[in-house]
């Protein structure tokens, strides 16, 4: 049995430096194996013993095993969200605003318009209601002028 524990659980080889499983890495492997079996991916037939904490793995083998196509990661995330209050517990609009603000402080600003918060690049100027109304009026005038021009051009020229 000692010989089994000195092998990489993924490639079954003895060579190289082996890392021991932690509770978190073991849990992740179980979740990934479930996705691999569900979607008929490589390593789908891998069997983990009940207690892997004494078993090892090569770092590259672990990376290869836990790498999934993006669409399967999304399924895995959705499954975690459904099964965990922890993920959603810390996710509030205020927390999101704080995180966005920390990451993009120099590039964005928050605006409040009609009791809603909006994100805008810092270099953008805010347009007030009065200016917006003036722009709409100007647009209406420009459209009317265009219609008049088209009408004038369609009138047949009379011989002079």
Protein backbone atom coordinates (compact mmCIF):
# COMPACT_ATOMS: atom_id res chain seq x y z
CA UNK A 1 0.00 0.00 0.00
CA UNK A 2 2.89 2.36 0.71
CA UNK A 3 4.03 1.95 -2.89
CA UNK A 4 0.60 3.12 -4.14
CA UNK A 5 0.79 6.27 -2.03
CA UNK A 6 4.09 7.32 -3.60
CA UNK A 7 2.56 7.45 -7.10
CA UNK A 8 0.88 10.37 -8.77
CA UNK A 9 -2.86 9.72 -8.64
CA UNK A 10 -3.25 11.04 -12.21
CA UNK A 11 -0.35 9.60 -14.21
CA UNK A 12 0.50 6.68 -11.87
CA UNK A 13 4.22 7.49 -12.17
CA UNK A 14 6.76 7.53 -9.32
CA UNK A 15 9.14 10.13 -10.78
CA UNK A 16 9.31 13.81 -9.87
CA UNK A 17 8.20 15.82 -6.89
CA UNK A 18 4.76 14.91 -5.59
CA UNK A 19 2.48 17.29 -3.74
CA UNK A 20 0.00 16.06 -1.16
CA UNK A 21 -3.70 16.74 -1.52
CA UNK A 22 -5.29 19.31 0.71
CA UNK A 23 -8.95 19.34 1.59
CA UNK A 24 -9.53 22.09 -0.95
CA UNK A 25 -7.60 20.45 -3.80
CA UNK A 26 -9.34 17.14 -3.12
CA UNK A 27 -12.75 18.83 -3.20
CA UNK A 28 -11.89 20.60 -6.46
CA UNK A 29 -10.78 17.33 -8.04
CA UNK A 30 -14.06 15.67 -7.10
CA UNK A 31 -16.02 18.53 -8.69
CA UNK A 32 -13.89 18.44 -11.84
CA UNK A 33 -14.20 14.66 -12.08
CA UNK A 34 -17.97 15.02 -11.93
CA UNK A 35 -17.86 17.46 -14.88
CA UNK A 36 -15.44 15.23 -16.79
CA UNK A 37 -17.69 12.20 -16.35
CA UNK A 38 -20.81 14.20 -17.23
CA UNK A 39 -19.32 15.48 -20.50
CA UNK A 40 -17.32 12.36 -21.41
CA UNK A 41 -13.94 14.15 -21.20
CA UNK A 42 -10.44 12.74 -20.74
CA UNK A 43 -9.80 11.36 -17.21
CA UNK A 44 -13.54 10.66 -16.83
CA UNK A 45 -12.78 7.13 -15.60
CA UNK A 46 -10.33 8.19 -12.90
CA UNK A 47 -11.22 6.68 -9.53
CA UNK A 48 -10.28 8.52 -6.37
CA UNK A 49 -9.89 6.56 -3.15
CA UNK A 50 -12.10 7.72 -0.27
CA UNK A 51 -9.20 9.39 1.51
CA UNK A 52 -6.71 11.09 -0.81
CA UNK A 53 -4.94 13.20 1.75
CA UNK A 54 -1.98 10.81 1.84
CA UNK A 55 -1.74 10.53 -1.93
CA UNK A 56 0.25 12.82 -4.15
CA UNK A 57 0.18 14.39 -7.55
CA UNK A 58 2.49 16.16 -9.94
CA UNK A 59 1.74 19.84 -10.34
CA UNK A 60 1.46 19.51 -14.13
CA UNK A 61 -0.81 16.47 -13.86
CA UNK A 62 -3.09 18.37 -11.47
CA UNK A 63 -3.20 21.35 -13.86
CA UNK A 64 -4.05 19.08 -16.78
CA UNK A 65 -6.76 17.33 -14.80
CA UNK A 66 -8.43 20.45 -13.42
CA UNK A 67 -8.35 22.30 -16.76
CA UNK A 68 -11.83 22.25 -18.29
CA UNK A 69 -13.30 23.94 -21.36
CA UNK A 70 -14.87 27.30 -20.48
CA UNK A 71 -18.47 26.16 -20.91
CA UNK A 72 -17.91 23.44 -18.31
CA UNK A 73 -16.40 25.94 -15.87
CA UNK A 74 -19.58 27.99 -16.19
CA UNK A 75 -21.65 24.93 -15.34
CA UNK A 76 -19.37 24.22 -12.39
CA UNK A 77 -19.71 27.81 -11.17
CA UNK A 78 -23.49 27.73 -11.52
CA UNK A 79 -23.57 24.50 -9.55
CA UNK A 80 -21.47 26.11 -6.81
CA UNK A 81 -23.77 29.12 -6.69
CA UNK A 82 -26.83 26.90 -6.35
CA UNK A 83 -25.22 24.86 -3.57
CA UNK A 84 -23.52 27.65 -1.66
CA UNK A 85 -24.89 30.59 0.26
CA UNK A 86 -21.32 31.79 0.78
CA UNK A 87 -20.86 32.84 -2.85
CA UNK A 88 -24.03 34.90 -2.91
CA UNK A 89 -23.81 36.04 0.71
CA UNK A 90 -21.03 38.55 0.04
CA UNK A 91 -22.30 39.69 -3.32
CA UNK A 92 -24.29 42.88 -2.90
CA UNK A 93 -24.58 45.91 -5.17
CA UNK A 94 -22.53 47.91 -2.68
CA UNK A 95 -19.73 45.30 -2.68
CA UNK A 96 -19.77 45.25 -6.47
CA UNK A 97 -19.52 49.03 -6.60
CA UNK A 98 -16.61 48.97 -4.15
CA UNK A 99 -14.76 46.32 -6.15
CA UNK A 100 -15.31 48.15 -9.44
CA UNK A 101 -14.22 51.40 -7.84
CA UNK A 102 -11.00 49.86 -6.46
CA UNK A 103 -10.01 48.34 -9.78
CA UNK A 104 -11.03 51.17 -12.11
CA UNK A 105 -10.67 54.27 -9.89
CA UNK A 106 -8.68 56.25 -12.46
CA UNK A 107 -10.79 55.24 -15.44
CA UNK A 108 -14.46 55.46 -14.43
CA UNK A 109 -16.90 57.48 -12.42
CA UNK A 110 -20.33 56.74 -11.00
CA UNK A 111 -23.21 58.99 -12.00
CA UNK A 112 -26.69 59.13 -10.54
CA UNK A 113 -29.46 59.74 -13.06
CA UNK A 114 -33.15 59.20 -12.29
CA UNK A 115 -32.23 57.43 -9.03
CA UNK A 116 -30.02 54.93 -10.85
CA UNK A 117 -26.26 54.63 -10.66
CA UNK A 118 -24.48 54.64 -13.99
CA UNK A 119 -20.87 53.95 -14.90
CA UNK A 120 -19.11 56.27 -17.28
CA UNK A 121 -15.53 56.89 -18.36
CA UNK A 122 -13.93 59.74 -16.40
CA UNK A 123 -13.35 61.84 -19.51
CA UNK A 124 -17.07 61.93 -20.43
CA UNK A 125 -19.00 65.07 -19.56
CA UNK A 126 -22.47 64.86 -18.11
CA UNK A 127 -25.29 66.20 -20.25
CA UNK A 128 -28.08 67.90 -18.33
CA UNK A 129 -31.78 67.70 -19.15
CA UNK A 130 -31.83 71.21 -20.63
CA UNK A 131 -28.91 70.51 -22.95
CA UNK A 132 -30.47 67.20 -23.96
CA UNK A 133 -33.75 68.96 -24.83
CA UNK A 134 -31.83 71.53 -26.89
CA UNK A 135 -30.06 68.73 -28.76
CA UNK A 136 -33.39 67.03 -29.48
CA UNK A 137 -34.86 70.31 -30.76
CA UNK A 138 -31.80 70.87 -32.96
CA UNK A 139 -32.13 67.33 -34.30
CA UNK A 140 -35.79 67.92 -35.16
CA UNK A 141 -34.87 71.15 -36.96
CA UNK A 142 -32.11 69.40 -38.91
CA UNK A 143 -34.52 66.64 -39.98
CA UNK A 144 -37.11 69.22 -41.09
CA UNK A 145 -34.47 71.10 -43.10
CA UNK A 146 -33.41 67.86 -44.78
CA UNK A 147 -37.01 67.09 -45.76
CA UNK A 148 -37.40 70.60 -47.21
CA UNK A 149 -34.17 70.26 -49.21
CA UNK A 150 -35.33 66.96 -50.66
CA UNK A 151 -38.69 68.48 -51.60
CA UNK A 152 -37.04 71.46 -53.28
CA UNK A 153 -34.70 69.23 -55.26
CA UNK A 154 -37.61 67.12 -56.46
CA UNK A 155 -39.45 70.10 -57.94
CA UNK A 156 -39.01 70.10 -61.67
CA UNK A 157 -36.95 72.90 -63.01
CA UNK A 158 -38.95 75.16 -65.26
CA UNK A 159 -37.45 76.45 -68.41
CA UNK A 160 -36.59 80.07 -68.06
